[in-house]
PDB file of all heavy atoms in Angstrom:
ATOM      1  N   ILE A   1     -86.461  41.445 -59.045  1.00  0.00           N
ATOM      2  CA  ILE A   1     -85.166  40.785 -59.240  1.00  0.00           C
ATOM      3  C   ILE A   1     -85.265  39.748 -60.359  1.00  0.00           C
ATOM      4  O   ILE A   1     -84.390  39.657 -61.217  1.00  0.00           O
ATOM      5  CB  ILE A   1     -84.658  40.148 -57.935  1.00  0.00           C
ATOM      6  CG1 ILE A   1     -84.210  41.247 -56.967  1.00  0.00           C
ATOM      7  CG2 ILE A   1     -83.519  39.166 -58.196  1.00  0.00           C
ATOM      8  CD1 ILE A   1     -83.845  40.750 -55.584  1.00  0.00           C
ATOM      9  N   GLY A   2     -86.360  38.984 -60.373  1.00  0.00           N
ATOM     10  CA  GLY A   2     -86.562  37.989 -61.425  1.00  0.00           C
ATOM     11  C   GLY A   2     -86.617  38.626 -62.804  1.00  0.00           C
ATOM     12  O   GLY A   2     -85.962  38.160 -63.743  1.00  0.00           O
ATOM     13  N   GLU A   3     -87.389  39.696 -62.941  1.00  0.00           N
ATOM     14  CA  GLU A   3     -87.511  40.383 -64.227  1.00  0.00           C
ATOM     15  C   GLU A   3     -86.181  40.994 -64.659  1.00  0.00           C
ATOM     16  O   GLU A   3     -85.802  40.916 -65.841  1.00  0.00           O
ATOM     17  CB  GLU A   3     -88.591  41.474 -64.160  1.00  0.00           C
ATOM     18  CG  GLU A   3     -89.996  40.929 -64.017  1.00  0.00           C
ATOM     19  CD  GLU A   3     -90.442  40.111 -65.224  1.00  0.00           C
ATOM     20  OE1 GLU A   3     -90.079  40.451 -66.362  1.00  0.00           O
ATOM     21  OE2 GLU A   3     -91.164  39.120 -65.024  1.00  0.00           O
ATOM     22  N   MET A   4     -85.467  41.589 -63.712  1.00  0.00           N
ATOM     23  CA  MET A   4     -84.181  42.214 -64.049  1.00  0.00           C
ATOM     24  C   MET A   4     -83.151  41.157 -64.445  1.00  0.00           C
ATOM     25  O   MET A   4     -82.370  41.360 -65.377  1.00  0.00           O
ATOM     26  CB  MET A   4     -83.672  43.049 -62.878  1.00  0.00           C
ATOM     27  CG  MET A   4     -84.532  44.265 -62.611  1.00  0.00           C
ATOM     28  SD  MET A   4     -84.040  45.129 -61.128  1.00  0.00           S
ATOM     29  CE  MET A   4     -82.882  46.293 -61.835  1.00  0.00           C
ATOM     30  N   THR A   5     -83.158  40.034 -63.760  1.00  0.00           N
ATOM     31  CA  THR A   5     -82.230  38.946 -64.087  1.00  0.00           C
ATOM     32  C   THR A   5     -82.484  38.439 -65.500  1.00  0.00           C
ATOM     33  O   THR A   5     -81.547  38.220 -66.273  1.00  0.00           O
ATOM     34  CB  THR A   5     -82.355  37.810 -63.053  1.00  0.00           C
ATOM     35  OG1 THR A   5     -82.036  38.337 -61.758  1.00  0.00           O
ATOM     36  CG2 THR A   5     -81.422  36.659 -63.373  1.00  0.00           C
ATOM     37  N   LEU A   6     -83.756  38.250 -65.848  1.00  0.00           N
ATOM     38  CA  LEU A   6     -84.095  37.820 -67.216  1.00  0.00           C
ATOM     39  C   LEU A   6     -83.664  38.861 -68.250  1.00  0.00           C
ATOM     40  O   LEU A   6     -83.104  38.515 -69.293  1.00  0.00           O
ATOM     41  CB  LEU A   6     -85.595  37.571 -67.335  1.00  0.00           C
ATOM     42  CG  LEU A   6     -86.131  36.281 -66.721  1.00  0.00           C
ATOM     43  CD1 LEU A   6     -87.656  36.247 -66.784  1.00  0.00           C
ATOM     44  CD2 LEU A   6     -85.536  35.077 -67.434  1.00  0.00           C
ATOM     45  N   ALA A   7     -83.918  40.119 -67.960  1.00  0.00           N
ATOM     46  CA  ALA A   7     -83.576  41.181 -68.912  1.00  0.00           C
ATOM     47  C   ALA A   7     -82.070  41.304 -69.116  1.00  0.00           C
ATOM     48  O   ALA A   7     -81.626  41.700 -70.195  1.00  0.00           O
ATOM     49  CB  ALA A   7     -84.149  42.513 -68.424  1.00  0.00           C
ATOM     50  N   LEU A   8     -81.290  40.942 -68.115  1.00  0.00           N
ATOM     51  CA  LEU A   8     -79.837  41.096 -68.180  1.00  0.00           C
ATOM     52  C   LEU A   8     -79.103  39.784 -68.434  1.00  0.00           C
ATOM     53  O   LEU A   8     -77.878  39.724 -68.316  1.00  0.00           O
ATOM     54  CB  LEU A   8     -79.335  41.733 -66.876  1.00  0.00           C
ATOM     55  CG  LEU A   8     -79.826  43.148 -66.593  1.00  0.00           C
ATOM     56  CD1 LEU A   8     -79.485  43.572 -65.179  1.00  0.00           C
ATOM     57  CD2 LEU A   8     -79.250  44.121 -67.614  1.00  0.00           C
ATOM     58  N   LYS A   9     -79.829  38.723 -68.823  1.00  0.00           N
ATOM     59  CA  LYS A   9     -79.226  37.389 -68.911  1.00  0.00           C
ATOM     60  C   LYS A   9     -78.062  37.291 -69.899  1.00  0.00           C
ATOM     61  O   LYS A   9     -77.165  36.508 -69.707  1.00  0.00           O
ATOM     62  CB  LYS A   9     -80.273  36.325 -69.205  1.00  0.00           C
ATOM     63  CG  LYS A   9     -80.830  36.346 -70.593  1.00  0.00           C
ATOM     64  CD  LYS A   9     -81.811  35.233 -70.804  1.00  0.00           C
ATOM     65  CE  LYS A   9     -82.359  35.307 -72.220  1.00  0.00           C
ATOM     66  NZ  LYS A   9     -83.232  34.222 -72.510  1.00  0.00           N
ATOM     67  N   ASP A  10     -78.043  38.082 -70.931  1.00  0.00           N
ATOM     68  CA  ASP A  10     -76.946  38.032 -71.901  1.00  0.00           C
ATOM     69  C   ASP A  10     -75.927  39.156 -71.691  1.00  0.00           C
ATOM     70  O   ASP A  10     -75.162  39.485 -72.598  1.00  0.00           O
ATOM     71  CB  ASP A  10     -77.506  38.099 -73.333  1.00  0.00           C
ATOM     72  CG  ASP A  10     -78.328  36.853 -73.670  1.00  0.00           C
ATOM     73  OD1 ASP A  10     -77.952  35.759 -73.197  1.00  0.00           O
ATOM     74  OD2 ASP A  10     -79.333  36.990 -74.383  1.00  0.00           O
ATOM     75  N   SER A  11     -75.937  39.719 -70.508  1.00  0.00           N
ATOM     76  CA  SER A  11     -75.015  40.821 -70.204  1.00  0.00           C
ATOM     77  C   SER A  11     -74.023  40.362 -69.122  1.00  0.00           C
ATOM     78  O   SER A  11     -74.210  39.312 -68.510  1.00  0.00           O
ATOM     79  CB  SER A  11     -75.800  42.036 -69.701  1.00  0.00           C
ATOM     80  OG  SER A  11     -76.156  41.862 -68.341  1.00  0.00           O
ATOM     81  N   PRO A  12     -73.013  41.147 -68.866  1.00  0.00           N
ATOM     82  CA  PRO A  12     -72.063  40.794 -67.805  1.00  0.00           C
ATOM     83  C   PRO A  12     -72.571  41.188 -66.413  1.00  0.00           C
ATOM     84  O   PRO A  12     -71.840  41.069 -65.428  1.00  0.00           O
ATOM     85  CB  PRO A  12     -70.825  41.621 -68.170  1.00  0.00           C
ATOM     86  CG  PRO A  12     -71.367  42.822 -68.855  1.00  0.00           C
ATOM     87  CD  PRO A  12     -72.578  42.329 -69.620  1.00  0.00           C
ATOM     88  N   CYS A  13     -73.804  41.634 -66.319  1.00  0.00           N
ATOM     89  CA  CYS A  13     -74.339  42.168 -65.062  1.00  0.00           C
ATOM     90  C   CYS A  13     -74.910  41.085 -64.154  1.00  0.00           C
ATOM     91  O   CYS A  13     -75.435  40.067 -64.609  1.00  0.00           O
ATOM     92  CB  CYS A  13     -75.417  43.197 -65.355  1.00  0.00           C
ATOM     93  SG  CYS A  13     -74.826  44.589 -66.333  1.00  0.00           S
ATOM     94  N   PHE A  14     -74.814  41.351 -62.849  1.00  0.00           N
ATOM     95  CA  PHE A  14     -75.385  40.496 -61.808  1.00  0.00           C
ATOM     96  C   PHE A  14     -76.441  41.295 -61.062  1.00  0.00           C
ATOM     97  O   PHE A  14     -76.254  42.486 -60.807  1.00  0.00           O
ATOM     98  CB  PHE A  14     -74.311  40.071 -60.791  1.00  0.00           C
ATOM     99  CG  PHE A  14     -73.152  39.337 -61.388  1.00  0.00           C
ATOM    100  CD1 PHE A  14     -72.029  40.019 -61.824  1.00  0.00           C
ATOM    101  CD2 PHE A  14     -73.175  37.957 -61.510  1.00  0.00           C
ATOM    102  CE1 PHE A  14     -70.940  39.357 -62.358  1.00  0.00           C
ATOM    103  CE2 PHE A  14     -72.097  37.276 -62.046  1.00  0.00           C
ATOM    104  CZ  PHE A  14     -70.978  37.979 -62.479  1.00  0.00           C
ATOM    105  N   VAL A  15     -77.534  40.634 -60.666  1.00  0.00           N
ATOM    106  CA  VAL A  15     -78.594  41.275 -59.887  1.00  0.00           C
ATOM    107  C   VAL A  15     -78.577  40.650 -58.497  1.00  0.00           C
ATOM    108  O   VAL A  15     -78.589  39.427 -58.363  1.00  0.00           O
ATOM    109  CB  VAL A  15     -79.979  41.085 -60.548  1.00  0.00           C
ATOM    110  CG1 VAL A  15     -81.058  41.795 -59.736  1.00  0.00           C
ATOM    111  CG2 VAL A  15     -79.967  41.585 -61.983  1.00  0.00           C
ATOM    112  N   PHE A  16     -78.557  41.495 -57.472  1.00  0.00           N
ATOM    113  CA  PHE A  16     -78.488  41.027 -56.089  1.00  0.00           C
ATOM    114  C   PHE A  16     -79.644  41.583 -55.280  1.00  0.00           C
ATOM    115  O   PHE A  16     -80.141  42.672 -55.546  1.00  0.00           O
ATOM    116  CB  PHE A  16     -77.183  41.488 -55.430  1.00  0.00           C
ATOM    117  CG  PHE A  16     -75.953  40.923 -56.071  1.00  0.00           C
ATOM    118  CD1 PHE A  16     -75.255  41.649 -57.005  1.00  0.00           C
ATOM    119  CD2 PHE A  16     -75.505  39.654 -55.728  1.00  0.00           C
ATOM    120  CE1 PHE A  16     -74.114  41.132 -57.603  1.00  0.00           C
ATOM    121  CE2 PHE A  16     -74.372  39.129 -56.314  1.00  0.00           C
ATOM    122  CZ  PHE A  16     -73.674  39.875 -57.253  1.00  0.00           C
ATOM    123  N   GLY A  17     -80.021  40.843 -54.238  1.00  0.00           N
ATOM    124  CA  GLY A  17     -81.031  41.287 -53.287  1.00  0.00           C
ATOM    125  C   GLY A  17     -80.398  42.031 -52.121  1.00  0.00           C
ATOM    126  O   GLY A  17     -79.232  42.426 -52.161  1.00  0.00           O
ATOM    127  N   SER A  18     -81.162  42.181 -51.061  1.00  0.00           N
ATOM    128  CA  SER A  18     -80.794  43.071 -49.957  1.00  0.00           C
ATOM    129  C   SER A  18     -79.698  42.551 -49.025  1.00  0.00           C
ATOM    130  O   SER A  18     -79.349  43.232 -48.061  1.00  0.00           O
ATOM    131  CB  SER A  18     -82.024  43.413 -49.124  1.00  0.00           C
ATOM    132  OG  SER A  18     -82.536  42.244 -48.523  1.00  0.00           O
ATOM    133  N   ASN A  19     -79.165  41.384 -49.255  1.00  0.00           N
ATOM    134  CA  ASN A  19     -78.084  40.902 -48.390  1.00  0.00           C
ATOM    135  C   ASN A  19     -76.701  41.318 -48.860  1.00  0.00           C
ATOM    136  O   ASN A  19     -75.710  41.031 -48.200  1.00  0.00           O
ATOM    137  CB  ASN A  19     -78.146  39.381 -48.233  1.00  0.00           C
ATOM    138  CG  ASN A  19     -79.274  38.983 -47.320  1.00  0.00           C
ATOM    139  OD1 ASN A  19     -79.531  39.633 -46.320  1.00  0.00           O
ATOM    140  ND2 ASN A  19     -79.983  37.929 -47.677  1.00  0.00           N
ATOM    141  N   LEU A  20     -76.622  42.003 -49.999  1.00  0.00           N
ATOM    142  CA  LEU A  20     -75.323  42.480 -50.483  1.00  0.00           C
ATOM    143  C   LEU A  20     -75.055  43.863 -49.906  1.00  0.00           C
ATOM    144  O   LEU A  20     -75.799  44.811 -50.164  1.00  0.00           O
ATOM    145  CB  LEU A  20     -75.297  42.554 -52.012  1.00  0.00           C
ATOM    146  CG  LEU A  20     -73.974  43.056 -52.604  1.00  0.00           C
ATOM    147  CD1 LEU A  20     -72.846  42.058 -52.328  1.00  0.00           C
ATOM    148  CD2 LEU A  20     -74.118  43.301 -54.088  1.00  0.00           C
ATOM    149  N   GLN A  21     -74.009  43.967 -49.118  1.00  0.00           N
ATOM    150  CA  GLN A  21     -73.628  45.255 -48.546  1.00  0.00           C
ATOM    151  C   GLN A  21     -72.934  46.087 -49.619  1.00  0.00           C
ATOM    152  O   GLN A  21     -71.985  45.639 -50.248  1.00  0.00           O
ATOM    153  CB  GLN A  21     -72.707  45.045 -47.356  1.00  0.00           C
ATOM    154  CG  GLN A  21     -72.437  46.304 -46.582  1.00  0.00           C
ATOM    155  CD  GLN A  21     -71.606  46.015 -45.354  1.00  0.00           C
ATOM    156  OE1 GLN A  21     -70.550  45.418 -45.455  1.00  0.00           O
ATOM    157  NE2 GLN A  21     -72.101  46.425 -44.208  1.00  0.00           N
ATOM    158  N   VAL A  22     -73.440  47.304 -49.835  1.00  0.00           N
ATOM    159  CA  VAL A  22     -72.908  48.200 -50.849  1.00  0.00           C
ATOM    160  C   VAL A  22     -72.177  49.342 -50.155  1.00  0.00           C
ATOM    161  O   VAL A  22     -72.711  49.972 -49.244  1.00  0.00           O
ATOM    162  CB  VAL A  22     -74.038  48.737 -51.745  1.00  0.00           C
ATOM    163  CG1 VAL A  22     -73.517  49.758 -52.733  1.00  0.00           C
ATOM    164  CG2 VAL A  22     -74.717  47.582 -52.480  1.00  0.00           C
ATOM    165  N   VAL A  23     -70.955  49.591 -50.604  1.00  0.00           N
ATOM    166  CA  VAL A  23     -70.106  50.611 -49.989  1.00  0.00           C
ATOM    167  C   VAL A  23     -69.883  51.740 -50.982  1.00  0.00           C
ATOM    168  O   VAL A  23     -69.506  51.504 -52.130  1.00  0.00           O
ATOM    169  CB  VAL A  23     -68.739  50.008 -49.583  1.00  0.00           C
ATOM    170  CG1 VAL A  23     -67.854  51.058 -48.933  1.00  0.00           C
ATOM    171  CG2 VAL A  23     -68.934  48.812 -48.664  1.00  0.00           C
ATOM    172  N   PHE A  24     -70.121  52.957 -50.535  1.00  0.00           N
ATOM    173  CA  PHE A  24     -69.820  54.153 -51.312  1.00  0.00           C
ATOM    174  C   PHE A  24     -68.652  54.848 -50.634  1.00  0.00           C
ATOM    175  O   PHE A  24     -68.786  55.353 -49.524  1.00  0.00           O
ATOM    176  CB  PHE A  24     -71.022  55.097 -51.374  1.00  0.00           C
ATOM    177  CG  PHE A  24     -72.188  54.510 -52.104  1.00  0.00           C
ATOM    178  CD1 PHE A  24     -73.249  53.953 -51.419  1.00  0.00           C
ATOM    179  CD2 PHE A  24     -72.214  54.503 -53.485  1.00  0.00           C
ATOM    180  CE1 PHE A  24     -74.315  53.404 -52.086  1.00  0.00           C
ATOM    181  CE2 PHE A  24     -73.291  53.957 -54.173  1.00  0.00           C
ATOM    182  CZ  PHE A  24     -74.336  53.400 -53.472  1.00  0.00           C
ATOM    183  N   LEU A  25     -67.515  54.829 -51.287  1.00  0.00           N
ATOM    184  CA  LEU A  25     -66.320  55.457 -50.743  1.00  0.00           C
ATOM    185  C   LEU A  25     -66.268  56.910 -51.189  1.00  0.00           C
ATOM    186  O   LEU A  25     -66.180  57.190 -52.382  1.00  0.00           O
ATOM    187  CB  LEU A  25     -65.067  54.725 -51.215  1.00  0.00           C
ATOM    188  CG  LEU A  25     -64.981  53.245 -50.833  1.00  0.00           C
ATOM    189  CD1 LEU A  25     -63.785  52.599 -51.510  1.00  0.00           C
ATOM    190  CD2 LEU A  25     -64.897  53.090 -49.326  1.00  0.00           C
ATOM    191  N   PHE A  26     -66.364  57.833 -50.253  1.00  0.00           N
ATOM    192  CA  PHE A  26     -66.254  59.248 -50.571  1.00  0.00           C
ATOM    193  C   PHE A  26     -65.905  60.005 -49.297  1.00  0.00           C
ATOM    194  O   PHE A  26     -66.009  59.492 -48.194  1.00  0.00           O
ATOM    195  CB  PHE A  26     -67.558  59.793 -51.163  1.00  0.00           C
ATOM    196  CG  PHE A  26     -68.668  59.914 -50.165  1.00  0.00           C
ATOM    197  CD1 PHE A  26     -68.871  61.103 -49.485  1.00  0.00           C
ATOM    198  CD2 PHE A  26     -69.508  58.846 -49.904  1.00  0.00           C
ATOM    199  CE1 PHE A  26     -69.899  61.213 -48.553  1.00  0.00           C
ATOM    200  CE2 PHE A  26     -70.530  58.956 -48.980  1.00  0.00           C
ATOM    201  CZ  PHE A  26     -70.725  60.141 -48.301  1.00  0.00           C
ATOM    202  N   GLN A  27     -65.500  61.221 -49.477  1.00  0.00           N
ATOM    203  CA  GLN A  27     -65.223  62.069 -48.329  1.00  0.00           C
ATOM    204  C   GLN A  27     -65.641  63.486 -48.671  1.00  0.00           C
ATOM    205  O   GLN A  27     -65.264  64.027 -49.709  1.00  0.00           O
ATOM    206  CB  GLN A  27     -63.751  62.038 -47.947  1.00  0.00           C
ATOM    207  CG  GLN A  27     -63.490  62.721 -46.630  1.00  0.00           C
ATOM    208  CD  GLN A  27     -62.158  62.309 -46.028  1.00  0.00           C
ATOM    209  OE1 GLN A  27     -61.333  61.706 -46.686  1.00  0.00           O
ATOM    210  NE2 GLN A  27     -61.956  62.634 -44.788  1.00  0.00           N
ATOM    211  N   ASP A  28     -66.467  64.056 -47.811  1.00  0.00           N
ATOM    212  CA  ASP A  28     -66.909  65.436 -47.966  1.00  0.00           C
ATOM    213  C   ASP A  28     -66.415  66.186 -46.745  1.00  0.00           C
ATOM    214  O   ASP A  28     -67.084  66.213 -45.712  1.00  0.00           O
ATOM    215  CB  ASP A  28     -68.434  65.488 -48.091  1.00  0.00           C
ATOM    216  CG  ASP A  28     -68.964  66.890 -48.348  1.00  0.00           C
ATOM    217  OD1 ASP A  28     -68.253  67.868 -48.043  1.00  0.00           O
ATOM    218  OD2 ASP A  28     -70.095  66.999 -48.848  1.00  0.00           O
ATOM    219  N   GLU A  29     -65.227  66.750 -46.844  1.00  0.00           N
ATOM    220  CA  GLU A  29     -64.613  67.424 -45.695  1.00  0.00           C
ATOM    221  C   GLU A  29     -65.435  68.616 -45.238  1.00  0.00           C
ATOM    222  O   GLU A  29     -65.489  68.921 -44.050  1.00  0.00           O
ATOM    223  CB  GLU A  29     -63.184  67.844 -46.034  1.00  0.00           C
ATOM    224  CG  GLU A  29     -62.268  66.655 -46.190  1.00  0.00           C
ATOM    225  CD  GLU A  29     -60.858  67.049 -46.585  1.00  0.00           C
ATOM    226  OE1 GLU A  29     -60.508  68.236 -46.462  1.00  0.00           O
ATOM    227  OE2 GLU A  29     -60.121  66.153 -47.016  1.00  0.00           O
ATOM    228  N   GLN A  30     -66.096  69.283 -46.165  1.00  0.00           N
ATOM    229  CA  GLN A  30     -66.901  70.458 -45.817  1.00  0.00           C
ATOM    230  C   GLN A  30     -68.056  70.077 -44.888  1.00  0.00           C
ATOM    231  O   GLN A  30     -68.366  70.776 -43.944  1.00  0.00           O
ATOM    232  CB  GLN A  30     -67.435  71.110 -47.088  1.00  0.00           C
ATOM    233  CG  GLN A  30     -68.023  72.475 -46.866  1.00  0.00           C
ATOM    234  CD  GLN A  30     -68.374  73.150 -48.177  1.00  0.00           C
ATOM    235  OE1 GLN A  30     -68.538  72.497 -49.205  1.00  0.00           O
ATOM    236  NE2 GLN A  30     -68.502  74.452 -48.160  1.00  0.00           N
ATOM    237  N   LYS A  31     -68.687  68.940 -45.154  1.00  0.00           N
ATOM    238  CA  LYS A  31     -69.802  68.487 -44.328  1.00  0.00           C
ATOM    239  C   LYS A  31     -69.360  67.501 -43.248  1.00  0.00           C
ATOM    240  O   LYS A  31     -70.163  67.084 -42.424  1.00  0.00           O
ATOM    241  CB  LYS A  31     -70.875  67.830 -45.205  1.00  0.00           C
ATOM    242  CG  LYS A  31     -71.559  68.802 -46.135  1.00  0.00           C
ATOM    243  CD  LYS A  31     -72.657  68.111 -46.909  1.00  0.00           C
ATOM    244  CE  LYS A  31     -73.366  69.071 -47.832  1.00  0.00           C
ATOM    245  NZ  LYS A  31     -74.428  68.414 -48.594  1.00  0.00           N
ATOM    246  N   GLY A  32     -68.099  67.079 -43.279  1.00  0.00           N
ATOM    247  CA  GLY A  32     -67.609  66.121 -42.289  1.00  0.00           C
ATOM    248  C   GLY A  32     -68.186  64.740 -42.469  1.00  0.00           C
ATOM    249  O   GLY A  32     -68.352  63.993 -41.513  1.00  0.00           O
ATOM    250  N   LYS A  33     -68.531  64.380 -43.703  1.00  0.00           N
ATOM    251  CA  LYS A  33     -69.137  63.078 -43.976  1.00  0.00           C
ATOM    252  C   LYS A  33     -68.173  62.230 -44.790  1.00  0.00           C
ATOM    253  O   LYS A  33     -67.452  62.733 -45.630  1.00  0.00           O
ATOM    254  CB  LYS A  33     -70.444  63.244 -44.749  1.00  0.00           C
ATOM    255  CG  LYS A  33     -71.491  64.012 -44.009  1.00  0.00           C
ATOM    256  CD  LYS A  33     -72.713  64.181 -44.870  1.00  0.00           C
ATOM    257  CE  LYS A  33     -73.749  65.035 -44.153  1.00  0.00           C
ATOM    258  NZ  LYS A  33     -74.923  65.274 -44.967  1.00  0.00           N
ATOM    259  N   GLU A  34     -68.195  60.927 -44.538  1.00  0.00           N
ATOM    260  CA  GLU A  34     -67.396  60.027 -45.359  1.00  0.00           C
ATOM    261  C   GLU A  34     -67.983  58.632 -45.332  1.00  0.00           C
ATOM    262  O   GLU A  34     -68.640  58.242 -44.379  1.00  0.00           O
ATOM    263  CB  GLU A  34     -65.941  59.990 -44.897  1.00  0.00           C
ATOM    264  CG  GLU A  34     -65.749  59.466 -43.480  1.00  0.00           C
ATOM    265  CD  GLU A  34     -64.287  59.418 -43.098  1.00  0.00           C
ATOM    266  OE1 GLU A  34     -63.652  60.463 -43.131  1.00  0.00           O
ATOM    267  OE2 GLU A  34     -63.817  58.320 -42.774  1.00  0.00           O
ATOM    268  N   ASN A  35     -67.781  57.917 -46.395  1.00  0.00           N
ATOM    269  CA  ASN A  35     -68.105  56.502 -46.535  1.00  0.00           C
ATOM    270  C   ASN A  35     -69.476  56.103 -45.976  1.00  0.00           C
ATOM    271  O   ASN A  35     -69.742  56.250 -44.799  1.00  0.00           O
ATOM    272  CB  ASN A  35     -67.028  55.640 -45.889  1.00  0.00           C
ATOM    273  CG  ASN A  35     -65.658  55.943 -46.430  1.00  0.00           C
ATOM    274  OD1 ASN A  35     -65.505  56.277 -47.596  1.00  0.00           O
ATOM    275  ND2 ASN A  35     -64.663  55.842 -45.589  1.00  0.00           N
ATOM    276  N   VAL A  36     -70.291  55.583 -46.843  1.00  0.00           N
ATOM    277  CA  VAL A  36     -71.620  55.114 -46.478  1.00  0.00           C
ATOM    278  C   VAL A  36     -71.742  53.668 -46.927  1.00  0.00           C
ATOM    279  O   VAL A  36     -71.270  53.310 -48.002  1.00  0.00           O
ATOM    280  CB  VAL A  36     -72.707  55.970 -47.169  1.00  0.00           C
ATOM    281  CG1 VAL A  36     -74.087  55.378 -46.973  1.00  0.00           C
ATOM    282  CG2 VAL A  36     -72.669  57.401 -46.658  1.00  0.00           C
ATOM    283  N   THR A  37     -72.363  52.825 -46.100  1.00  0.00           N
ATOM    284  CA  THR A  37     -72.704  51.476 -46.539  1.00  0.00           C
ATOM    285  C   THR A  37     -74.214  51.313 -46.423  1.00  0.00           C
ATOM    286  O   THR A  37     -74.830  51.819 -45.478  1.00  0.00           O
ATOM    287  CB  THR A  37     -72.020  50.366 -45.704  1.00  0.00           C
ATOM    288  OG1 THR A  37     -72.559  50.362 -44.398  1.00  0.00           O
ATOM    289  CG2 THR A  37     -70.524  50.563 -45.652  1.00  0.00           C
ATOM    290  N   VAL A  38     -74.799  50.635 -47.389  1.00  0.00           N
ATOM    291  CA  VAL A  38     -76.241  50.413 -47.402  1.00  0.00           C
ATOM    292  C   VAL A  38     -76.535  48.967 -47.788  1.00  0.00           C
ATOM    293  O   VAL A  38     -75.686  48.268 -48.348  1.00  0.00           O
ATOM    294  CB  VAL A  38     -76.960  51.381 -48.377  1.00  0.00           C
ATOM    295  CG1 VAL A  38     -76.837  52.815 -47.902  1.00  0.00           C
ATOM    296  CG2 VAL A  38     -76.435  51.240 -49.790  1.00  0.00           C
ATOM    297  N   LEU A  39     -77.745  48.540 -47.493  1.00  0.00           N
ATOM    298  CA  LEU A  39     -78.257  47.227 -47.889  1.00  0.00           C
ATOM    299  C   LEU A  39     -79.496  47.472 -48.753  1.00  0.00           C
ATOM    300  O   LEU A  39     -80.625  47.327 -48.301  1.00  0.00           O
ATOM    301  CB  LEU A  39     -78.625  46.396 -46.651  1.00  0.00           C
ATOM    302  CG  LEU A  39     -77.476  46.024 -45.736  1.00  0.00           C
ATOM    303  CD1 LEU A  39     -77.989  45.561 -44.378  1.00  0.00           C
ATOM    304  CD2 LEU A  39     -76.623  44.954 -46.371  1.00  0.00           C
ATOM    305  N   PRO A  40     -79.305  47.877 -50.013  1.00  0.00           N
ATOM    306  CA  PRO A  40     -80.452  48.206 -50.856  1.00  0.00           C
ATOM    307  C   PRO A  40     -81.268  46.958 -51.207  1.00  0.00           C
ATOM    308  O   PRO A  40     -80.760  45.843 -51.170  1.00  0.00           O
ATOM    309  CB  PRO A  40     -79.816  48.806 -52.104  1.00  0.00           C
ATOM    310  CG  PRO A  40     -78.448  48.239 -52.134  1.00  0.00           C
ATOM    311  CD  PRO A  40     -78.042  48.017 -50.717  1.00  0.00           C
ATOM    312  N   ASP A  41     -82.525  47.188 -51.551  1.00  0.00           N
ATOM    313  CA  ASP A  41     -83.388  46.071 -51.942  1.00  0.00           C
ATOM    314  C   ASP A  41     -82.839  45.347 -53.161  1.00  0.00           C
ATOM    315  O   ASP A  41     -82.872  44.126 -53.229  1.00  0.00           O
ATOM    316  CB  ASP A  41     -84.803  46.565 -52.241  1.00  0.00           C
ATOM    317  CG  ASP A  41     -85.506  47.073 -51.005  1.00  0.00           C
ATOM    318  OD1 ASP A  41     -85.333  46.457 -49.936  1.00  0.00           O
ATOM    319  OD2 ASP A  41     -86.211  48.085 -51.098  1.00  0.00           O
ATOM    320  N   ILE A  42     -82.357  46.107 -54.133  1.00  0.00           N
ATOM    321  CA  ILE A  42     -81.825  45.534 -55.372  1.00  0.00           C
ATOM    322  C   ILE A  42     -80.558  46.291 -55.768  1.00  0.00           C
ATOM    323  O   ILE A  42     -80.535  47.519 -55.721  1.00  0.00           O
ATOM    324  CB  ILE A  42     -82.842  45.635 -56.536  1.00  0.00           C
ATOM    325  CG1 ILE A  42     -84.132  44.904 -56.179  1.00  0.00           C
ATOM    326  CG2 ILE A  42     -82.257  45.083 -57.830  1.00  0.00           C
ATOM    327  CD1 ILE A  42     -85.265  45.137 -57.163  1.00  0.00           C
ATOM    328  N   SER A  43     -79.542  45.547 -56.154  1.00  0.00           N
ATOM    329  CA  SER A  43     -78.313  46.131 -56.702  1.00  0.00           C
ATOM    330  C   SER A  43     -78.011  45.434 -58.017  1.00  0.00           C
ATOM    331  O   SER A  43     -78.176  44.223 -58.127  1.00  0.00           O
ATOM    332  CB  SER A  43     -77.114  45.896 -55.778  1.00  0.00           C
ATOM    333  OG  SER A  43     -77.340  46.433 -54.515  1.00  0.00           O
ATOM    334  N   VAL A  44     -77.550  46.196 -59.000  1.00  0.00           N
ATOM    335  CA  VAL A  44     -77.084  45.631 -60.257  1.00  0.00           C
ATOM    336  C   VAL A  44     -75.616  46.015 -60.397  1.00  0.00           C
ATOM    337  O   VAL A  44     -75.262  47.188 -60.307  1.00  0.00           O
ATOM    338  CB  VAL A  44     -77.891  46.156 -61.464  1.00  0.00           C
ATOM    339  CG1 VAL A  44     -77.310  45.625 -62.771  1.00  0.00           C
ATOM    340  CG2 VAL A  44     -79.356  45.768 -61.330  1.00  0.00           C
ATOM    341  N   VAL A  45     -74.779  45.005 -60.604  1.00  0.00           N
ATOM    342  CA  VAL A  45     -73.340  45.212 -60.730  1.00  0.00           C
ATOM    343  C   VAL A  45     -72.907  44.612 -62.068  1.00  0.00           C
ATOM    344  O   VAL A  45     -73.132  43.429 -62.315  1.00  0.00           O
ATOM    345  CB  VAL A  45     -72.578  44.539 -59.570  1.00  0.00           C
ATOM    346  CG1 VAL A  45     -71.087  44.769 -59.690  1.00  0.00           C
ATOM    347  CG2 VAL A  45     -73.099  45.032 -58.233  1.00  0.00           C
TER     348      VAL A  45
END
């Protein structure tokens, strides 16, 4: 996270740790699956 934050310091990006809940909105009617939320180790937004 430290290295990524330094590398992205002049960009509009934010680096987050595992407390940021990430939501993937999708629906796969064929498989009956929809919407997943995860707590990844690192997220870049």
